[in-house]
Amino acid sequence: MGARQLVRRFATWEVLPRLRARAEKPITVASRRGFSDQVKHATQFLGWLAERDLTLSDCGRADIDAWHVERNSHARARLCSFLL
């Protein structure tokens, strides 16, 4: 499965349901940004893997750790739900 399909599935099955649940009350700019950051960082992570000739199924703990070392805590936190 390609990166685009993976991100689309993640957004459809993980991000959008949580965003819809939050939509029962007004969505703040910060919460909308947080949800979009999850998709952005998932996309960046898959691009980072592709630059190293890796796919998500090839990715191991050492690869995830290497990505985390290069990022700030915000980026690391936003990637968690994608990795789970």
N, C-alpha and C. Protein backbone atom coordinates (compact mmCIF):
# COMPACT_ATOMS: atom_id res chain seq x y z
N MET A 1 0.84 -1.17 0.00
CA MET A 1 0.00 0.00 0.00
C MET A 1 0.89 1.24 0.00
N GLY A 2 0.53 2.20 -0.82
CA GLY A 2 1.33 3.41 -0.94
C GLY A 2 1.11 4.38 0.23
N ALA A 3 2.00 5.32 0.32
CA ALA A 3 1.94 6.31 1.40
C ALA A 3 0.64 7.10 1.36
N ARG A 4 0.21 7.47 0.18
CA ARG A 4 -1.03 8.24 0.05
C ARG A 4 -2.21 7.46 0.60
N GLN A 5 -2.28 6.18 0.29
CA GLN A 5 -3.37 5.34 0.79
C GLN A 5 -3.30 5.20 2.30
N LEU A 6 -2.11 5.03 2.84
CA LEU A 6 -1.95 4.91 4.29
C LEU A 6 -2.42 6.17 5.02
N VAL A 7 -2.02 7.32 4.50
CA VAL A 7 -2.42 8.58 5.14
C VAL A 7 -3.92 8.78 5.00
N ARG A 8 -4.47 8.44 3.84
CA ARG A 8 -5.92 8.57 3.65
C ARG A 8 -6.69 7.68 4.62
N ARG A 9 -6.24 6.45 4.79
CA ARG A 9 -6.91 5.55 5.75
C ARG A 9 -6.79 6.07 7.17
N PHE A 10 -5.62 6.55 7.52
CA PHE A 10 -5.42 7.12 8.85
C PHE A 10 -6.36 8.29 9.08
N ALA A 11 -6.42 9.20 8.12
CA ALA A 11 -7.29 10.36 8.26
C ALA A 11 -8.76 9.95 8.33
N THR A 12 -9.15 8.99 7.52
CA THR A 12 -10.55 8.57 7.46
C THR A 12 -10.98 7.80 8.70
N TRP A 13 -10.14 6.91 9.17
CA TRP A 13 -10.55 6.01 10.26
C TRP A 13 -10.10 6.43 11.64
N GLU A 14 -9.13 7.30 11.73
CA GLU A 14 -8.63 7.72 13.04
C GLU A 14 -8.88 9.20 13.33
N VAL A 15 -8.47 10.06 12.41
CA VAL A 15 -8.53 11.50 12.67
C VAL A 15 -9.96 12.04 12.53
N LEU A 16 -10.62 11.74 11.42
CA LEU A 16 -11.96 12.30 11.20
C LEU A 16 -12.98 11.89 12.26
N PRO A 17 -13.02 10.63 12.70
CA PRO A 17 -13.99 10.30 13.75
C PRO A 17 -13.77 11.10 15.04
N ARG A 18 -12.52 11.32 15.42
CA ARG A 18 -12.25 12.12 16.62
C ARG A 18 -12.62 13.58 16.40
N LEU A 19 -12.36 14.08 15.21
CA LEU A 19 -12.73 15.46 14.88
C LEU A 19 -14.24 15.62 14.89
N ARG A 20 -14.95 14.66 14.34
CA ARG A 20 -16.43 14.72 14.35
C ARG A 20 -16.98 14.66 15.77
N ALA A 21 -16.37 13.84 16.59
CA ALA A 21 -16.82 13.76 17.99
C ALA A 21 -16.62 15.09 18.70
N ARG A 22 -15.55 15.77 18.38
CA ARG A 22 -15.27 17.08 18.99
C ARG A 22 -16.19 18.16 18.41
N ALA A 23 -16.76 17.91 17.24
CA ALA A 23 -17.57 18.93 16.56
C ALA A 23 -18.92 19.15 17.22
N GLU A 24 -19.24 18.36 18.23
CA GLU A 24 -20.49 18.58 18.95
C GLU A 24 -20.48 19.93 19.65
N LYS A 25 -19.30 20.42 19.93
CA LYS A 25 -19.13 21.78 20.45
C LYS A 25 -18.18 22.50 19.50
N PRO A 26 -18.10 23.81 19.57
CA PRO A 26 -17.23 24.53 18.61
C PRO A 26 -15.78 24.02 18.64
N ILE A 27 -15.25 23.85 17.46
CA ILE A 27 -13.86 23.39 17.32
C ILE A 27 -12.96 24.61 17.34
N THR A 28 -12.00 24.57 18.21
CA THR A 28 -11.06 25.69 18.31
C THR A 28 -10.00 25.59 17.22
N VAL A 29 -9.35 26.69 16.98
CA VAL A 29 -8.25 26.71 16.01
C VAL A 29 -7.15 25.74 16.45
N ALA A 30 -6.88 25.71 17.74
CA ALA A 30 -5.82 24.83 18.25
C ALA A 30 -6.16 23.36 18.05
N SER A 31 -7.41 22.97 18.29
CA SER A 31 -7.77 21.56 18.12
C SER A 31 -7.77 21.18 16.64
N ARG A 32 -8.24 22.08 15.77
CA ARG A 32 -8.20 21.79 14.34
C ARG A 32 -6.77 21.65 13.87
N ARG A 33 -5.91 22.52 14.36
CA ARG A 33 -4.49 22.45 13.99
C ARG A 33 -3.88 21.14 14.50
N GLY A 34 -4.26 20.71 15.68
CA GLY A 34 -3.74 19.47 16.23
C GLY A 34 -4.10 18.27 15.38
N PHE A 35 -5.36 18.23 14.92
CA PHE A 35 -5.78 17.12 14.05
C PHE A 35 -5.08 17.17 12.70
N SER A 36 -4.95 18.36 12.13
CA SER A 36 -4.27 18.45 10.83
C SER A 36 -2.78 18.15 10.97
N ASP A 37 -2.20 18.50 12.12
CA ASP A 37 -0.79 18.19 12.36
C ASP A 37 -0.56 16.68 12.40
N GLN A 38 -1.52 15.92 12.88
CA GLN A 38 -1.38 14.47 12.90
C GLN A 38 -1.22 13.93 11.48
N VAL A 39 -2.05 14.44 10.58
CA VAL A 39 -1.97 14.00 9.18
C VAL A 39 -0.67 14.50 8.56
N LYS A 40 -0.29 15.73 8.84
CA LYS A 40 0.94 16.30 8.29
C LYS A 40 2.16 15.50 8.74
N HIS A 41 2.24 15.17 10.01
CA HIS A 41 3.41 14.45 10.50
C HIS A 41 3.42 12.99 10.05
N ALA A 42 2.26 12.39 9.87
CA ALA A 42 2.21 11.04 9.31
C ALA A 42 2.75 11.06 7.88
N THR A 43 2.36 12.08 7.12
CA THR A 43 2.84 12.22 5.75
C THR A 43 4.35 12.44 5.73
N GLN A 44 4.83 13.30 6.61
CA GLN A 44 6.27 13.56 6.68
C GLN A 44 7.04 12.31 7.08
N PHE A 45 6.50 11.54 8.02
CA PHE A 45 7.17 10.33 8.46
C PHE A 45 7.28 9.33 7.31
N LEU A 46 6.20 9.15 6.57
CA LEU A 46 6.23 8.21 5.44
C LEU A 46 7.20 8.70 4.36
N GLY A 47 7.28 10.00 4.15
CA GLY A 47 8.26 10.55 3.21
C GLY A 47 9.68 10.32 3.69
N TRP A 48 9.89 10.48 4.99
CA TRP A 48 11.19 10.24 5.59
C TRP A 48 11.60 8.78 5.40
N LEU A 49 10.65 7.87 5.60
CA LEU A 49 10.94 6.45 5.36
C LEU A 49 11.29 6.19 3.90
N ALA A 50 10.53 6.80 2.99
CA ALA A 50 10.77 6.58 1.56
C ALA A 50 12.16 7.07 1.16
N GLU A 51 12.61 8.17 1.75
CA GLU A 51 13.96 8.68 1.46
C GLU A 51 15.03 7.67 1.86
N ARG A 52 14.70 6.81 2.78
CA ARG A 52 15.63 5.78 3.25
C ARG A 52 15.33 4.41 2.66
N ASP A 53 14.51 4.41 1.60
CA ASP A 53 14.11 3.18 0.91
C ASP A 53 13.44 2.18 1.86
N LEU A 54 12.62 2.70 2.77
CA LEU A 54 11.87 1.87 3.70
C LEU A 54 10.38 2.08 3.49
N THR A 55 9.61 1.07 3.81
CA THR A 55 8.15 1.19 3.86
C THR A 55 7.75 1.09 5.32
N LEU A 56 6.49 1.35 5.59
CA LEU A 56 6.02 1.25 6.96
C LEU A 56 6.18 -0.17 7.50
N SER A 57 5.95 -1.16 6.66
CA SER A 57 6.10 -2.55 7.11
C SER A 57 7.56 -2.92 7.36
N ASP A 58 8.50 -2.22 6.72
CA ASP A 58 9.93 -2.46 6.94
C ASP A 58 10.45 -1.71 8.16
N CYS A 59 9.71 -0.74 8.61
CA CYS A 59 10.15 0.16 9.67
C CYS A 59 10.23 -0.56 11.01
N GLY A 60 11.32 -0.36 11.69
CA GLY A 60 11.51 -0.95 13.01
C GLY A 60 11.66 0.12 14.08
N ARG A 61 11.82 -0.32 15.30
CA ARG A 61 11.96 0.60 16.43
C ARG A 61 13.13 1.56 16.25
N ALA A 62 14.23 1.06 15.72
CA ALA A 62 15.40 1.91 15.51
C ALA A 62 15.09 3.03 14.51
N ASP A 63 14.28 2.73 13.49
CA ASP A 63 13.90 3.76 12.51
C ASP A 63 13.02 4.82 13.15
N ILE A 64 12.07 4.38 13.94
CA ILE A 64 11.18 5.33 14.64
C ILE A 64 12.00 6.20 15.59
N ASP A 65 12.92 5.59 16.31
CA ASP A 65 13.78 6.35 17.22
C ASP A 65 14.62 7.38 16.46
N ALA A 66 15.14 6.99 15.30
CA ALA A 66 15.94 7.91 14.49
C ALA A 66 15.10 9.09 14.03
N TRP A 67 13.86 8.85 13.64
CA TRP A 67 12.96 9.94 13.23
C TRP A 67 12.68 10.87 14.41
N HIS A 68 12.43 10.25 15.57
CA HIS A 68 12.13 11.05 16.77
C HIS A 68 13.29 11.96 17.16
N VAL A 69 14.51 11.47 17.02
CA VAL A 69 15.69 12.26 17.40
C VAL A 69 15.77 13.55 16.57
N GLU A 70 15.31 13.48 15.33
CA GLU A 70 15.40 14.62 14.42
C GLU A 70 14.23 15.61 14.60
N ARG A 71 13.26 15.29 15.46
CA ARG A 71 12.06 16.11 15.58
C ARG A 71 11.90 16.68 16.98
N ASN A 72 11.04 17.69 17.10
CA ASN A 72 10.74 18.24 18.42
C ASN A 72 9.62 17.43 19.08
N SER A 73 9.32 17.75 20.32
CA SER A 73 8.33 16.97 21.08
C SER A 73 6.94 17.07 20.46
N HIS A 74 6.60 18.21 19.87
CA HIS A 74 5.29 18.36 19.23
C HIS A 74 5.14 17.36 18.08
N ALA A 75 6.13 17.28 17.22
CA ALA A 75 6.09 16.36 16.08
C ALA A 75 6.03 14.92 16.56
N ARG A 76 6.79 14.59 17.58
CA ARG A 76 6.77 13.23 18.12
C ARG A 76 5.39 12.88 18.66
N ALA A 77 4.80 13.80 19.39
CA ALA A 77 3.47 13.55 19.97
C ALA A 77 2.41 13.39 18.89
N ARG A 78 2.48 14.18 17.83
CA ARG A 78 1.47 14.13 16.77
C ARG A 78 1.58 12.86 15.93
N LEU A 79 2.72 12.20 15.94
CA LEU A 79 2.89 10.98 15.17
C LEU A 79 2.38 9.75 15.92
N CYS A 80 2.24 9.84 17.22
CA CYS A 80 1.89 8.68 18.04
C CYS A 80 0.65 7.95 17.56
N SER A 81 -0.43 8.66 17.31
CA SER A 81 -1.67 7.98 16.93
C SER A 81 -1.51 7.27 15.59
N PHE A 82 -0.71 7.81 14.68
CA PHE A 82 -0.46 7.13 13.41
C PHE A 82 0.31 5.84 13.65
N LEU A 83 1.32 5.88 14.49
CA LEU A 83 2.11 4.68 14.73
C LEU A 83 1.32 3.61 15.46
N LEU A 84 0.39 4.02 16.31
CA LEU A 84 -0.43 3.03 17.00
C LEU A 84 -1.38 2.36 16.04
